[in-house]
Amino acid sequence: MLNKIREKIKPYLEVLGLKLSKLEPKVWSLLGLFLAFLSGLSYSLPFSFSLLLGGIFLLASGFTDVIDGAVARVKGKVSDKGAFLDSNLDRLSEVLVFSGIMYGKKGDPLLIILTLSLSLLVSYSRAKGEALGLKMMGVGLGERAERVILLALFSFLSPLNPQIFNLGLIIIVLLSSFTFVQRIIYGIKNLP
């Protein structure tokens, strides 16, 4: 859903990419991975503010995920190799974040596992569809950007009530499940 908005604001992102183009796209991708590591590390800490800190690092990591592509476009460095690296680093980032959430016992273990699993399935369905020639960007309500924003939002709200974080995980599970089904249906309808 947000990827559709991203297309509309692409000119602004490219201006931002130009301003931030002193660093190579892969450096932005690696910075995103490092920020995801810090997010997972923060979530793993036994302090009340760890959810807030984890959410901040998570949003920062998500920001770099937008910037690396913008920088690649303005520098003329868009490549299959870069897309492959970025996609794999994004999956590793998700595993790092949810490992920290699990280790820090920030939510129900089953919900954490379901959230990570469905997030990876949503990403896999896009990758497989694109490998088979489908244009998958924008297919489904809960792409990575939506999941990152929701997880950060519920991290910020959780100090109000510890169960709010579990509610956020439930919402992400439902959204990811719906998106996964949307992508399966889209693939079945559009593949020969």
Foldseek 3Di string as FASTA:
>chain_A
DVLVVCVVCLVVLLVVLVVVLVDALVVLLVVLLVLLLQLLQLLQDQDLCSLLRSLVSLVSSVVSLSNSVSNCVNVVNDDPVSVVSSLVSVLSSLVSNLNSNVNNVLEDPVLSVLLNVLLVLLSVLCVVLVVLPDNCPPQADDHPVNLSVLQSVLSVVCVVPSCSNVVSSVVSSVRSVRSSVSSVVVSVVPHD
